[in-house]
């Protein structure tokens, strides 16, 4: 990220939610 940002190539990272496919679990 630091190198990418210095080069103007980083703006945002999405830390997405993982799922088992079973909401109760």
PDBML (XML) file of the C-alpha atoms, coordinates in Angstrom:
<?xml version="1.0" encoding="UTF-8" ?>
<PDBx:datablock datablockName="MODEL"
   xmlns:PDBx="http://pdbml.pdb.org/schema/pdbx-v50.xsd"
   xmlns:xsi="http://www.w3.org/2001/XMLSchema-instance"
   xsi:schemaLocation="http://pdbml.pdb.org/schema/pdbx-v50.xsd pdbx-v50.xsd">
   <PDBx:atom_siteCategory>
      <PDBx:atom_site id="1">
         <PDBx:B_iso_or_equiv>0.00</PDBx:B_iso_or_equiv>
         <PDBx:Cartn_x>0.000</PDBx:Cartn_x>
         <PDBx:Cartn_y>0.000</PDBx:Cartn_y>
         <PDBx:Cartn_z>0.000</PDBx:Cartn_z>
         <PDBx:auth_asym_id>A</PDBx:auth_asym_id>
         <PDBx:auth_atom_id>CA</PDBx:auth_atom_id>
         <PDBx:auth_comp_id>UNK</PDBx:auth_comp_id>
         <PDBx:auth_seq_id>1</PDBx:auth_seq_id>
         <PDBx:group_PDB>ATOM</PDBx:group_PDB>
         <PDBx:label_alt_id xsi:nil="true" />
         <PDBx:label_asym_id>A</PDBx:label_asym_id>
         <PDBx:label_atom_id>CA</PDBx:label_atom_id>
         <PDBx:label_comp_id>UNK</PDBx:label_comp_id>
         <PDBx:label_entity_id>1</PDBx:label_entity_id>
         <PDBx:label_seq_id>1</PDBx:label_seq_id>
         <PDBx:occupancy>1.00</PDBx:occupancy>
         <PDBx:pdbx_PDB_model_num>1</PDBx:pdbx_PDB_model_num>
         <PDBx:type_symbol>C</PDBx:type_symbol>
      </PDBx:atom_site>
      <PDBx:atom_site id="2">
         <PDBx:B_iso_or_equiv>0.00</PDBx:B_iso_or_equiv>
         <PDBx:Cartn_x>2.677</PDBx:Cartn_x>
         <PDBx:Cartn_y>2.639</PDBx:Cartn_y>
         <PDBx:Cartn_z>0.825</PDBx:Cartn_z>
         <PDBx:auth_asym_id>A</PDBx:auth_asym_id>
         <PDBx:auth_atom_id>CA</PDBx:auth_atom_id>
         <PDBx:auth_comp_id>UNK</PDBx:auth_comp_id>
         <PDBx:auth_seq_id>2</PDBx:auth_seq_id>
         <PDBx:group_PDB>ATOM</PDBx:group_PDB>
         <PDBx:label_alt_id xsi:nil="true" />
         <PDBx:label_asym_id>A</PDBx:label_asym_id>
         <PDBx:label_atom_id>CA</PDBx:label_atom_id>
         <PDBx:label_comp_id>UNK</PDBx:label_comp_id>
         <PDBx:label_entity_id>1</PDBx:label_entity_id>
         <PDBx:label_seq_id>2</PDBx:label_seq_id>
         <PDBx:occupancy>1.00</PDBx:occupancy>
         <PDBx:pdbx_PDB_model_num>1</PDBx:pdbx_PDB_model_num>
         <PDBx:type_symbol>C</PDBx:type_symbol>
      </PDBx:atom_site>
      <PDBx:atom_site id="3">
         <PDBx:B_iso_or_equiv>0.00</PDBx:B_iso_or_equiv>
         <PDBx:Cartn_x>4.469</PDBx:Cartn_x>
         <PDBx:Cartn_y>2.121</PDBx:Cartn_y>
         <PDBx:Cartn_z>-2.500</PDBx:Cartn_z>
         <PDBx:auth_asym_id>A</PDBx:auth_asym_id>
         <PDBx:auth_atom_id>CA</PDBx:auth_atom_id>
         <PDBx:auth_comp_id>UNK</PDBx:auth_comp_id>
         <PDBx:auth_seq_id>3</PDBx:auth_seq_id>
         <PDBx:group_PDB>ATOM</PDBx:group_PDB>
         <PDBx:label_alt_id xsi:nil="true" />
         <PDBx:label_asym_id>A</PDBx:label_asym_id>
         <PDBx:label_atom_id>CA</PDBx:label_atom_id>
         <PDBx:label_comp_id>UNK</PDBx:label_comp_id>
         <PDBx:label_entity_id>1</PDBx:label_entity_id>
         <PDBx:label_seq_id>3</PDBx:label_seq_id>
         <PDBx:occupancy>1.00</PDBx:occupancy>
         <PDBx:pdbx_PDB_model_num>1</PDBx:pdbx_PDB_model_num>
         <PDBx:type_symbol>C</PDBx:type_symbol>
      </PDBx:atom_site>
      <PDBx:atom_site id="4">
         <PDBx:B_iso_or_equiv>0.00</PDBx:B_iso_or_equiv>
         <PDBx:Cartn_x>1.194</PDBx:Cartn_x>
         <PDBx:Cartn_y>2.105</PDBx:Cartn_y>
         <PDBx:Cartn_z>-4.429</PDBx:Cartn_z>
         <PDBx:auth_asym_id>A</PDBx:auth_asym_id>
         <PDBx:auth_atom_id>CA</PDBx:auth_atom_id>
         <PDBx:auth_comp_id>UNK</PDBx:auth_comp_id>
         <PDBx:auth_seq_id>4</PDBx:auth_seq_id>
         <PDBx:group_PDB>ATOM</PDBx:group_PDB>
         <PDBx:label_alt_id xsi:nil="true" />
         <PDBx:label_asym_id>A</PDBx:label_asym_id>
         <PDBx:label_atom_id>CA</PDBx:label_atom_id>
         <PDBx:label_comp_id>UNK</PDBx:label_comp_id>
         <PDBx:label_entity_id>1</PDBx:label_entity_id>
         <PDBx:label_seq_id>4</PDBx:label_seq_id>
         <PDBx:occupancy>1.00</PDBx:occupancy>
         <PDBx:pdbx_PDB_model_num>1</PDBx:pdbx_PDB_model_num>
         <PDBx:type_symbol>C</PDBx:type_symbol>
      </PDBx:atom_site>
      <PDBx:atom_site id="5">
         <PDBx:B_iso_or_equiv>0.00</PDBx:B_iso_or_equiv>
         <PDBx:Cartn_x>0.037</PDBx:Cartn_x>
         <PDBx:Cartn_y>5.244</PDBx:Cartn_y>
         <PDBx:Cartn_z>-2.662</PDBx:Cartn_z>
         <PDBx:auth_asym_id>A</PDBx:auth_asym_id>
         <PDBx:auth_atom_id>CA</PDBx:auth_atom_id>
         <PDBx:auth_comp_id>UNK</PDBx:auth_comp_id>
         <PDBx:auth_seq_id>5</PDBx:auth_seq_id>
         <PDBx:group_PDB>ATOM</PDBx:group_PDB>
         <PDBx:label_alt_id xsi:nil="true" />
         <PDBx:label_asym_id>A</PDBx:label_asym_id>
         <PDBx:label_atom_id>CA</PDBx:label_atom_id>
         <PDBx:label_comp_id>UNK</PDBx:label_comp_id>
         <PDBx:label_entity_id>1</PDBx:label_entity_id>
         <PDBx:label_seq_id>5</PDBx:label_seq_id>
         <PDBx:occupancy>1.00</PDBx:occupancy>
         <PDBx:pdbx_PDB_model_num>1</PDBx:pdbx_PDB_model_num>
         <PDBx:type_symbol>C</PDBx:type_symbol>
      </PDBx:atom_site>
      <PDBx:atom_site id="6">
         <PDBx:B_iso_or_equiv>0.00</PDBx:B_iso_or_equiv>
         <PDBx:Cartn_x>3.309</PDBx:Cartn_x>
         <PDBx:Cartn_y>7.018</PDBx:Cartn_y>
         <PDBx:Cartn_z>-3.348</PDBx:Cartn_z>
         <PDBx:auth_asym_id>A</PDBx:auth_asym_id>
         <PDBx:auth_atom_id>CA</PDBx:auth_atom_id>
         <PDBx:auth_comp_id>UNK</PDBx:auth_comp_id>
         <PDBx:auth_seq_id>6</PDBx:auth_seq_id>
         <PDBx:group_PDB>ATOM</PDBx:group_PDB>
         <PDBx:label_alt_id xsi:nil="true" />
         <PDBx:label_asym_id>A</PDBx:label_asym_id>
         <PDBx:label_atom_id>CA</PDBx:label_atom_id>
         <PDBx:label_comp_id>UNK</PDBx:label_comp_id>
         <PDBx:label_entity_id>1</PDBx:label_entity_id>
         <PDBx:label_seq_id>6</PDBx:label_seq_id>
         <PDBx:occupancy>1.00</PDBx:occupancy>
         <PDBx:pdbx_PDB_model_num>1</PDBx:pdbx_PDB_model_num>
         <PDBx:type_symbol>C</PDBx:type_symbol>
      </PDBx:atom_site>
      <PDBx:atom_site id="7">
         <PDBx:B_iso_or_equiv>0.00</PDBx:B_iso_or_equiv>
         <PDBx:Cartn_x>2.847</PDBx:Cartn_x>
         <PDBx:Cartn_y>6.223</PDBx:Cartn_y>
         <PDBx:Cartn_z>-7.029</PDBx:Cartn_z>
         <PDBx:auth_asym_id>A</PDBx:auth_asym_id>
         <PDBx:auth_atom_id>CA</PDBx:auth_atom_id>
         <PDBx:auth_comp_id>UNK</PDBx:auth_comp_id>
         <PDBx:auth_seq_id>7</PDBx:auth_seq_id>
         <PDBx:group_PDB>ATOM</PDBx:group_PDB>
         <PDBx:label_alt_id xsi:nil="true" />
         <PDBx:label_asym_id>A</PDBx:label_asym_id>
         <PDBx:label_atom_id>CA</PDBx:label_atom_id>
         <PDBx:label_comp_id>UNK</PDBx:label_comp_id>
         <PDBx:label_entity_id>1</PDBx:label_entity_id>
         <PDBx:label_seq_id>7</PDBx:label_seq_id>
         <PDBx:occupancy>1.00</PDBx:occupancy>
         <PDBx:pdbx_PDB_model_num>1</PDBx:pdbx_PDB_model_num>
         <PDBx:type_symbol>C</PDBx:type_symbol>
      </PDBx:atom_site>
      <PDBx:atom_site id="8">
         <PDBx:B_iso_or_equiv>0.00</PDBx:B_iso_or_equiv>
         <PDBx:Cartn_x>-0.738</PDBx:Cartn_x>
         <PDBx:Cartn_y>7.514</PDBx:Cartn_y>
         <PDBx:Cartn_z>-6.932</PDBx:Cartn_z>
         <PDBx:auth_asym_id>A</PDBx:auth_asym_id>
         <PDBx:auth_atom_id>CA</PDBx:auth_atom_id>
         <PDBx:auth_comp_id>UNK</PDBx:auth_comp_id>
         <PDBx:auth_seq_id>8</PDBx:auth_seq_id>
         <PDBx:group_PDB>ATOM</PDBx:group_PDB>
         <PDBx:label_alt_id xsi:nil="true" />
         <PDBx:label_asym_id>A</PDBx:label_asym_id>
         <PDBx:label_atom_id>CA</PDBx:label_atom_id>
         <PDBx:label_comp_id>UNK</PDBx:label_comp_id>
         <PDBx:label_entity_id>1</PDBx:label_entity_id>
         <PDBx:label_seq_id>8</PDBx:label_seq_id>
         <PDBx:occupancy>1.00</PDBx:occupancy>
         <PDBx:pdbx_PDB_model_num>1</PDBx:pdbx_PDB_model_num>
         <PDBx:type_symbol>C</PDBx:type_symbol>
      </PDBx:atom_site>
      <PDBx:atom_site id="9">
         <PDBx:B_iso_or_equiv>0.00</PDBx:B_iso_or_equiv>
         <PDBx:Cartn_x>-2.150</PDBx:Cartn_x>
         <PDBx:Cartn_y>4.027</PDBx:Cartn_y>
         <PDBx:Cartn_z>-7.532</PDBx:Cartn_z>
         <PDBx:auth_asym_id>A</PDBx:auth_asym_id>
         <PDBx:auth_atom_id>CA</PDBx:auth_atom_id>
         <PDBx:auth_comp_id>UNK</PDBx:auth_comp_id>
         <PDBx:auth_seq_id>9</PDBx:auth_seq_id>
         <PDBx:group_PDB>ATOM</PDBx:group_PDB>
         <PDBx:label_alt_id xsi:nil="true" />
         <PDBx:label_asym_id>A</PDBx:label_asym_id>
         <PDBx:label_atom_id>CA</PDBx:label_atom_id>
         <PDBx:label_comp_id>UNK</PDBx:label_comp_id>
         <PDBx:label_entity_id>1</PDBx:label_entity_id>
         <PDBx:label_seq_id>9</PDBx:label_seq_id>
         <PDBx:occupancy>1.00</PDBx:occupancy>
         <PDBx:pdbx_PDB_model_num>1</PDBx:pdbx_PDB_model_num>
         <PDBx:type_symbol>C</PDBx:type_symbol>
      </PDBx:atom_site>
      <PDBx:atom_site id="10">
         <PDBx:B_iso_or_equiv>0.00</PDBx:B_iso_or_equiv>
         <PDBx:Cartn_x>-3.914</PDBx:Cartn_x>
         <PDBx:Cartn_y>3.392</PDBx:Cartn_y>
         <PDBx:Cartn_z>-4.212</PDBx:Cartn_z>
         <PDBx:auth_asym_id>A</PDBx:auth_asym_id>
         <PDBx:auth_atom_id>CA</PDBx:auth_atom_id>
         <PDBx:auth_comp_id>UNK</PDBx:auth_comp_id>
         <PDBx:auth_seq_id>10</PDBx:auth_seq_id>
         <PDBx:group_PDB>ATOM</PDBx:group_PDB>
         <PDBx:label_alt_id xsi:nil="true" />
         <PDBx:label_asym_id>A</PDBx:label_asym_id>
         <PDBx:label_atom_id>CA</PDBx:label_atom_id>
         <PDBx:label_comp_id>UNK</PDBx:label_comp_id>
         <PDBx:label_entity_id>1</PDBx:label_entity_id>
         <PDBx:label_seq_id>10</PDBx:label_seq_id>
         <PDBx:occupancy>1.00</PDBx:occupancy>
         <PDBx:pdbx_PDB_model_num>1</PDBx:pdbx_PDB_model_num>
         <PDBx:type_symbol>C</PDBx:type_symbol>
      </PDBx:atom_site>
      <PDBx:atom_site id="11">
         <PDBx:B_iso_or_equiv>0.00</PDBx:B_iso_or_equiv>
         <PDBx:Cartn_x>-7.158</PDBx:Cartn_x>
         <PDBx:Cartn_y>5.062</PDBx:Cartn_y>
         <PDBx:Cartn_z>-3.234</PDBx:Cartn_z>
         <PDBx:auth_asym_id>A</PDBx:auth_asym_id>
         <PDBx:auth_atom_id>CA</PDBx:auth_atom_id>
         <PDBx:auth_comp_id>UNK</PDBx:auth_comp_id>
         <PDBx:auth_seq_id>11</PDBx:auth_seq_id>
         <PDBx:group_PDB>ATOM</PDBx:group_PDB>
         <PDBx:label_alt_id xsi:nil="true" />
         <PDBx:label_asym_id>A</PDBx:label_asym_id>
         <PDBx:label_atom_id>CA</PDBx:label_atom_id>
         <PDBx:label_comp_id>UNK</PDBx:label_comp_id>
         <PDBx:label_entity_id>1</PDBx:label_entity_id>
         <PDBx:label_seq_id>11</PDBx:label_seq_id>
         <PDBx:occupancy>1.00</PDBx:occupancy>
         <PDBx:pdbx_PDB_model_num>1</PDBx:pdbx_PDB_model_num>
         <PDBx:type_symbol>C</PDBx:type_symbol>
      </PDBx:atom_site>
      <PDBx:atom_site id="12">
         <PDBx:B_iso_or_equiv>0.00</PDBx:B_iso_or_equiv>
         <PDBx:Cartn_x>-9.197</PDBx:Cartn_x>
         <PDBx:Cartn_y>2.532</PDBx:Cartn_y>
         <PDBx:Cartn_z>-1.262</PDBx:Cartn_z>
         <PDBx:auth_asym_id>A</PDBx:auth_asym_id>
         <PDBx:auth_atom_id>CA</PDBx:auth_atom_id>
         <PDBx:auth_comp_id>UNK</PDBx:auth_comp_id>
         <PDBx:auth_seq_id>12</PDBx:auth_seq_id>
         <PDBx:group_PDB>ATOM</PDBx:group_PDB>
         <PDBx:label_alt_id xsi:nil="true" />
         <PDBx:label_asym_id>A</PDBx:label_asym_id>
         <PDBx:label_atom_id>CA</PDBx:label_atom_id>
         <PDBx:label_comp_id>UNK</PDBx:label_comp_id>
         <PDBx:label_entity_id>1</PDBx:label_entity_id>
         <PDBx:label_seq_id>12</PDBx:label_seq_id>
         <PDBx:occupancy>1.00</PDBx:occupancy>
         <PDBx:pdbx_PDB_model_num>1</PDBx:pdbx_PDB_model_num>
         <PDBx:type_symbol>C</PDBx:type_symbol>
      </PDBx:atom_site>
      <PDBx:atom_site id="13">
         <PDBx:B_iso_or_equiv>0.00</PDBx:B_iso_or_equiv>
         <PDBx:Cartn_x>-9.286</PDBx:Cartn_x>
         <PDBx:Cartn_y>-1.056</PDBx:Cartn_y>
         <PDBx:Cartn_z>-0.091</PDBx:Cartn_z>
         <PDBx:auth_asym_id>A</PDBx:auth_asym_id>
         <PDBx:auth_atom_id>CA</PDBx:auth_atom_id>
         <PDBx:auth_comp_id>UNK</PDBx:auth_comp_id>
         <PDBx:auth_seq_id>13</PDBx:auth_seq_id>
         <PDBx:group_PDB>ATOM</PDBx:group_PDB>
         <PDBx:label_alt_id xsi:nil="true" />
         <PDBx:label_asym_id>A</PDBx:label_asym_id>
         <PDBx:label_atom_id>CA</PDBx:label_atom_id>
         <PDBx:label_comp_id>UNK</PDBx:label_comp_id>
         <PDBx:label_entity_id>1</PDBx:label_entity_id>
         <PDBx:label_seq_id>13</PDBx:label_seq_id>
         <PDBx:occupancy>1.00</PDBx:occupancy>
         <PDBx:pdbx_PDB_model_num>1</PDBx:pdbx_PDB_model_num>
         <PDBx:type_symbol>C</PDBx:type_symbol>
      </PDBx:atom_site>
      <PDBx:atom_site id="14">
         <PDBx:B_iso_or_equiv>0.00</PDBx:B_iso_or_equiv>
         <PDBx:Cartn_x>-12.543</PDBx:Cartn_x>
         <PDBx:Cartn_y>-2.897</PDBx:Cartn_y>
         <PDBx:Cartn_z>0.555</PDBx:Cartn_z>
         <PDBx:auth_asym_id>A</PDBx:auth_asym_id>
         <PDBx:auth_atom_id>CA</PDBx:auth_atom_id>
         <PDBx:auth_comp_id>UNK</PDBx:auth_comp_id>
         <PDBx:auth_seq_id>14</PDBx:auth_seq_id>
         <PDBx:group_PDB>ATOM</PDBx:group_PDB>
         <PDBx:label_alt_id xsi:nil="true" />
         <PDBx:label_asym_id>A</PDBx:label_asym_id>
         <PDBx:label_atom_id>CA</PDBx:label_atom_id>
         <PDBx:label_comp_id>UNK</PDBx:label_comp_id>
         <PDBx:label_entity_id>1</PDBx:label_entity_id>
         <PDBx:label_seq_id>14</PDBx:label_seq_id>
         <PDBx:occupancy>1.00</PDBx:occupancy>
         <PDBx:pdbx_PDB_model_num>1</PDBx:pdbx_PDB_model_num>
         <PDBx:type_symbol>C</PDBx:type_symbol>
      </PDBx:atom_site>
      <PDBx:atom_site id="15">
         <PDBx:B_iso_or_equiv>0.00</PDBx:B_iso_or_equiv>
         <PDBx:Cartn_x>-12.257</PDBx:Cartn_x>
         <PDBx:Cartn_y>-5.445</PDBx:Cartn_y>
         <PDBx:Cartn_z>3.361</PDBx:Cartn_z>
         <PDBx:auth_asym_id>A</PDBx:auth_asym_id>
         <PDBx:auth_atom_id>CA</PDBx:auth_atom_id>
         <PDBx:auth_comp_id>UNK</PDBx:auth_comp_id>
         <PDBx:auth_seq_id>15</PDBx:auth_seq_id>
         <PDBx:group_PDB>ATOM</PDBx:group_PDB>
         <PDBx:label_alt_id xsi:nil="true" />
         <PDBx:label_asym_id>A</PDBx:label_asym_id>
         <PDBx:label_atom_id>CA</PDBx:label_atom_id>
         <PDBx:label_comp_id>UNK</PDBx:label_comp_id>
         <PDBx:label_entity_id>1</PDBx:label_entity_id>
         <PDBx:label_seq_id>15</PDBx:label_seq_id>
         <PDBx:occupancy>1.00</PDBx:occupancy>
         <PDBx:pdbx_PDB_model_num>1</PDBx:pdbx_PDB_model_num>
         <PDBx:type_symbol>C</PDBx:type_symbol>
      </PDBx:atom_site>
      <PDBx:atom_site id="16">
         <PDBx:B_iso_or_equiv>0.00</PDBx:B_iso_or_equiv>
         <PDBx:Cartn_x>-15.248</PDBx:Cartn_x>
         <PDBx:Cartn_y>-7.513</PDBx:Cartn_y>
         <PDBx:Cartn_z>2.387</PDBx:Cartn_z>
         <PDBx:auth_asym_id>A</PDBx:auth_asym_id>
         <PDBx:auth_atom_id>CA</PDBx:auth_atom_id>
         <PDBx:auth_comp_id>UNK</PDBx:auth_comp_id>
         <PDBx:auth_seq_id>16</PDBx:auth_seq_id>
         <PDBx:group_PDB>ATOM</PDBx:group_PDB>
         <PDBx:label_alt_id xsi:nil="true" />
         <PDBx:label_asym_id>A</PDBx:label_asym_id>
         <PDBx:label_atom_id>CA</PDBx:label_atom_id>
         <PDBx:label_comp_id>UNK</PDBx:label_comp_id>
         <PDBx:label_entity_id>1</PDBx:label_entity_id>
         <PDBx:label_seq_id>16</PDBx:label_seq_id>
         <PDBx:occupancy>1.00</PDBx:occupancy>
         <PDBx:pdbx_PDB_model_num>1</PDBx:pdbx_PDB_model_num>
         <PDBx:type_symbol>C</PDBx:type_symbol>
      </PDBx:atom_site>
      <PDBx:atom_site id="17">
         <PDBx:B_iso_or_equiv>0.00</PDBx:B_iso_or_equiv>
         <PDBx:Cartn_x>-17.404</PDBx:Cartn_x>
         <PDBx:Cartn_y>-9.827</PDBx:Cartn_y>
         <PDBx:Cartn_z>4.454</PDBx:Cartn_z>
         <PDBx:auth_asym_id>A</PDBx:auth_asym_id>
         <PDBx:auth_atom_id>CA</PDBx:auth_atom_id>
         <PDBx:auth_comp_id>UNK</PDBx:auth_comp_id>
         <PDBx:auth_seq_id>17</PDBx:auth_seq_id>
         <PDBx:group_PDB>ATOM</PDBx:group_PDB>
         <PDBx:label_alt_id xsi:nil="true" />
         <PDBx:label_asym_id>A</PDBx:label_asym_id>
         <PDBx:label_atom_id>CA</PDBx:label_atom_id>
         <PDBx:label_comp_id>UNK</PDBx:label_comp_id>
         <PDBx:label_entity_id>1</PDBx:label_entity_id>
         <PDBx:label_seq_id>17</PDBx:label_seq_id>
         <PDBx:occupancy>1.00</PDBx:occupancy>
         <PDBx:pdbx_PDB_model_num>1</PDBx:pdbx_PDB_model_num>
         <PDBx:type_symbol>C</PDBx:type_symbol>
      </PDBx:atom_site>
      <PDBx:atom_site id="18">
         <PDBx:B_iso_or_equiv>0.00</PDBx:B_iso_or_equiv>
         <PDBx:Cartn_x>-17.013</PDBx:Cartn_x>
         <PDBx:Cartn_y>-13.590</PDBx:Cartn_y>
         <PDBx:Cartn_z>4.038</PDBx:Cartn_z>
         <PDBx:auth_asym_id>A</PDBx:auth_asym_id>
         <PDBx:auth_atom_id>CA</PDBx:auth_atom_id>
         <PDBx:auth_comp_id>UNK</PDBx:auth_comp_id>
         <PDBx:auth_seq_id>18</PDBx:auth_seq_id>
         <PDBx:group_PDB>ATOM</PDBx:group_PDB>
         <PDBx:label_alt_id xsi:nil="true" />
         <PDBx:label_asym_id>A</PDBx:label_asym_id>
         <PDBx:label_atom_id>CA</PDBx:label_atom_id>
         <PDBx:label_comp_id>UNK</PDBx:label_comp_id>
         <PDBx:label_entity_id>1</PDBx:label_entity_id>
         <PDBx:label_seq_id>18</PDBx:label_seq_id>
         <PDBx:occupancy>1.00</PDBx:occupancy>
         <PDBx:pdbx_PDB_model_num>1</PDBx:pdbx_PDB_model_num>
         <PDBx:type_symbol>C</PDBx:type_symbol>
      </PDBx:atom_site>
      <PDBx:atom_site id="19">
         <PDBx:B_iso_or_equiv>0.00</PDBx:B_iso_or_equiv>
         <PDBx:Cartn_x>-19.917</PDBx:Cartn_x>
         <PDBx:Cartn_y>-15.992</PDBx:Cartn_y>
         <PDBx:Cartn_z>4.397</PDBx:Cartn_z>
         <PDBx:auth_asym_id>A</PDBx:auth_asym_id>
         <PDBx:auth_atom_id>CA</PDBx:auth_atom_id>
         <PDBx:auth_comp_id>UNK</PDBx:auth_comp_id>
         <PDBx:auth_seq_id>19</PDBx:auth_seq_id>
         <PDBx:group_PDB>ATOM</PDBx:group_PDB>
         <PDBx:label_alt_id xsi:nil="true" />
         <PDBx:label_asym_id>A</PDBx:label_asym_id>
         <PDBx:label_atom_id>CA</PDBx:label_atom_id>
         <PDBx:label_comp_id>UNK</PDBx:label_comp_id>
         <PDBx:label_entity_id>1</PDBx:label_entity_id>
         <PDBx:label_seq_id>19</PDBx:label_seq_id>
         <PDBx:occupancy>1.00</PDBx:occupancy>
         <PDBx:pdbx_PDB_model_num>1</PDBx:pdbx_PDB_model_num>
         <PDBx:type_symbol>C</PDBx:type_symbol>
      </PDBx:atom_site>
      <PDBx:atom_site id="20">
         <PDBx:B_iso_or_equiv>0.00</PDBx:B_iso_or_equiv>
         <PDBx:Cartn_x>-20.448</PDBx:Cartn_x>
         <PDBx:Cartn_y>-19.707</PDBx:Cartn_y>
         <PDBx:Cartn_z>4.842</PDBx:Cartn_z>
         <PDBx:auth_asym_id>A</PDBx:auth_asym_id>
         <PDBx:auth_atom_id>CA</PDBx:auth_atom_id>
         <PDBx:auth_comp_id>UNK</PDBx:auth_comp_id>
         <PDBx:auth_seq_id>20</PDBx:auth_seq_id>
         <PDBx:group_PDB>ATOM</PDBx:group_PDB>
         <PDBx:label_alt_id xsi:nil="true" />
         <PDBx:label_asym_id>A</PDBx:label_asym_id>
         <PDBx:label_atom_id>CA</PDBx:label_atom_id>
         <PDBx:label_comp_id>UNK</PDBx:label_comp_id>
         <PDBx:label_entity_id>1</PDBx:label_entity_id>
         <PDBx:label_seq_id>20</PDBx:label_seq_id>
         <PDBx:occupancy>1.00</PDBx:occupancy>
         <PDBx:pdbx_PDB_model_num>1</PDBx:pdbx_PDB_model_num>
         <PDBx:type_symbol>C</PDBx:type_symbol>
      </PDBx:atom_site>
      <PDBx:atom_site id="21">
         <PDBx:B_iso_or_equiv>0.00</PDBx:B_iso_or_equiv>
         <PDBx:Cartn_x>-23.746</PDBx:Cartn_x>
         <PDBx:Cartn_y>-19.311</PDBx:Cartn_y>
         <PDBx:Cartn_z>3.030</PDBx:Cartn_z>
         <PDBx:auth_asym_id>A</PDBx:auth_asym_id>
         <PDBx:auth_atom_id>CA</PDBx:auth_atom_id>
         <PDBx:auth_comp_id>UNK</PDBx:auth_comp_id>
         <PDBx:auth_seq_id>21</PDBx:auth_seq_id>
         <PDBx:group_PDB>ATOM</PDBx:group_PDB>
         <PDBx:label_alt_id xsi:nil="true" />
         <PDBx:label_asym_id>A</PDBx:label_asym_id>
         <PDBx:label_atom_id>CA</PDBx:label_atom_id>
         <PDBx:label_comp_id>UNK</PDBx:label_comp_id>
         <PDBx:label_entity_id>1</PDBx:label_entity_id>
         <PDBx:label_seq_id>21</PDBx:label_seq_id>
         <PDBx:occupancy>1.00</PDBx:occupancy>
         <PDBx:pdbx_PDB_model_num>1</PDBx:pdbx_PDB_model_num>
         <PDBx:type_symbol>C</PDBx:type_symbol>
      </PDBx:atom_site>
      <PDBx:atom_site id="22">
         <PDBx:B_iso_or_equiv>0.00</PDBx:B_iso_or_equiv>
         <PDBx:Cartn_x>-25.598</PDBx:Cartn_x>
         <PDBx:Cartn_y>-20.090</PDBx:Cartn_y>
         <PDBx:Cartn_z>6.259</PDBx:Cartn_z>
         <PDBx:auth_asym_id>A</PDBx:auth_asym_id>
         <PDBx:auth_atom_id>CA</PDBx:auth_atom_id>
         <PDBx:auth_comp_id>UNK</PDBx:auth_comp_id>
         <PDBx:auth_seq_id>22</PDBx:auth_seq_id>
         <PDBx:group_PDB>ATOM</PDBx:group_PDB>
         <PDBx:label_alt_id xsi:nil="true" />
         <PDBx:label_asym_id>A</PDBx:label_asym_id>
         <PDBx:label_atom_id>CA</PDBx:label_atom_id>
         <PDBx:label_comp_id>UNK</PDBx:label_comp_id>
         <PDBx:label_entity_id>1</PDBx:label_entity_id>
         <PDBx:label_seq_id>22</PDBx:label_seq_id>
         <PDBx:occupancy>1.00</PDBx:occupancy>
         <PDBx:pdbx_PDB_model_num>1</PDBx:pdbx_PDB_model_num>
         <PDBx:type_symbol>C</PDBx:type_symbol>
      </PDBx:atom_site>
      <PDBx:atom_site id="23">
         <PDBx:B_iso_or_equiv>0.00</PDBx:B_iso_or_equiv>
         <PDBx:Cartn_x>-26.640</PDBx:Cartn_x>
         <PDBx:Cartn_y>-16.971</PDBx:Cartn_y>
         <PDBx:Cartn_z>8.192</PDBx:Cartn_z>
         <PDBx:auth_asym_id>A</PDBx:auth_asym_id>
         <PDBx:auth_atom_id>CA</PDBx:auth_atom_id>
         <PDBx:auth_comp_id>UNK</PDBx:auth_comp_id>
         <PDBx:auth_seq_id>23</PDBx:auth_seq_id>
         <PDBx:group_PDB>ATOM</PDBx:group_PDB>
         <PDBx:label_alt_id xsi:nil="true" />
         <PDBx:label_asym_id>A</PDBx:label_asym_id>
         <PDBx:label_atom_id>CA</PDBx:label_atom_id>
         <PDBx:label_comp_id>UNK</PDBx:label_comp_id>
         <PDBx:label_entity_id>1</PDBx:label_entity_id>
         <PDBx:label_seq_id>23</PDBx:label_seq_id>
         <PDBx:occupancy>1.00</PDBx:occupancy>
         <PDBx:pdbx_PDB_model_num>1</PDBx:pdbx_PDB_model_num>
         <PDBx:type_symbol>C</PDBx:type_symbol>
      </PDBx:atom_site>
      <PDBx:atom_site id="24">
         <PDBx:B_iso_or_equiv>0.00</PDBx:B_iso_or_equiv>
         <PDBx:Cartn_x>-27.031</PDBx:Cartn_x>
         <PDBx:Cartn_y>-18.680</PDBx:Cartn_y>
         <PDBx:Cartn_z>11.613</PDBx:Cartn_z>
         <PDBx:auth_asym_id>A</PDBx:auth_asym_id>
         <PDBx:auth_atom_id>CA</PDBx:auth_atom_id>
         <PDBx:auth_comp_id>UNK</PDBx:auth_comp_id>
         <PDBx:auth_seq_id>24</PDBx:auth_seq_id>
         <PDBx:group_PDB>ATOM</PDBx:group_PDB>
         <PDBx:label_alt_id xsi:nil="true" />
         <PDBx:label_asym_id>A</PDBx:label_asym_id>
         <PDBx:label_atom_id>CA</PDBx:label_atom_id>
         <PDBx:label_comp_id>UNK</PDBx:label_comp_id>
         <PDBx:label_entity_id>1</PDBx:label_entity_id>
         <PDBx:label_seq_id>24</PDBx:label_seq_id>
         <PDBx:occupancy>1.00</PDBx:occupancy>
         <PDBx:pdbx_PDB_model_num>1</PDBx:pdbx_PDB_model_num>
         <PDBx:type_symbol>C</PDBx:type_symbol>
      </PDBx:atom_site>
      <PDBx:atom_site id="25">
         <PDBx:B_iso_or_equiv>0.00</PDBx:B_iso_or_equiv>
         <PDBx:Cartn_x>-23.545</PDBx:Cartn_x>
         <PDBx:Cartn_y>-20.199</PDBx:Cartn_y>
         <PDBx:Cartn_z>11.231</PDBx:Cartn_z>
         <PDBx:auth_asym_id>A</PDBx:auth_asym_id>
         <PDBx:auth_atom_id>CA</PDBx:auth_atom_id>
         <PDBx:auth_comp_id>UNK</PDBx:auth_comp_id>
         <PDBx:auth_seq_id>25</PDBx:auth_seq_id>
         <PDBx:group_PDB>ATOM</PDBx:group_PDB>
         <PDBx:label_alt_id xsi:nil="true" />
         <PDBx:label_asym_id>A</PDBx:label_asym_id>
         <PDBx:label_atom_id>CA</PDBx:label_atom_id>
         <PDBx:label_comp_id>UNK</PDBx:label_comp_id>
         <PDBx:label_entity_id>1</PDBx:label_entity_id>
         <PDBx:label_seq_id>25</PDBx:label_seq_id>
         <PDBx:occupancy>1.00</PDBx:occupancy>
         <PDBx:pdbx_PDB_model_num>1</PDBx:pdbx_PDB_model_num>
         <PDBx:type_symbol>C</PDBx:type_symbol>
      </PDBx:atom_site>
   </PDBx:atom_siteCategory>
</PDBx:datablock>
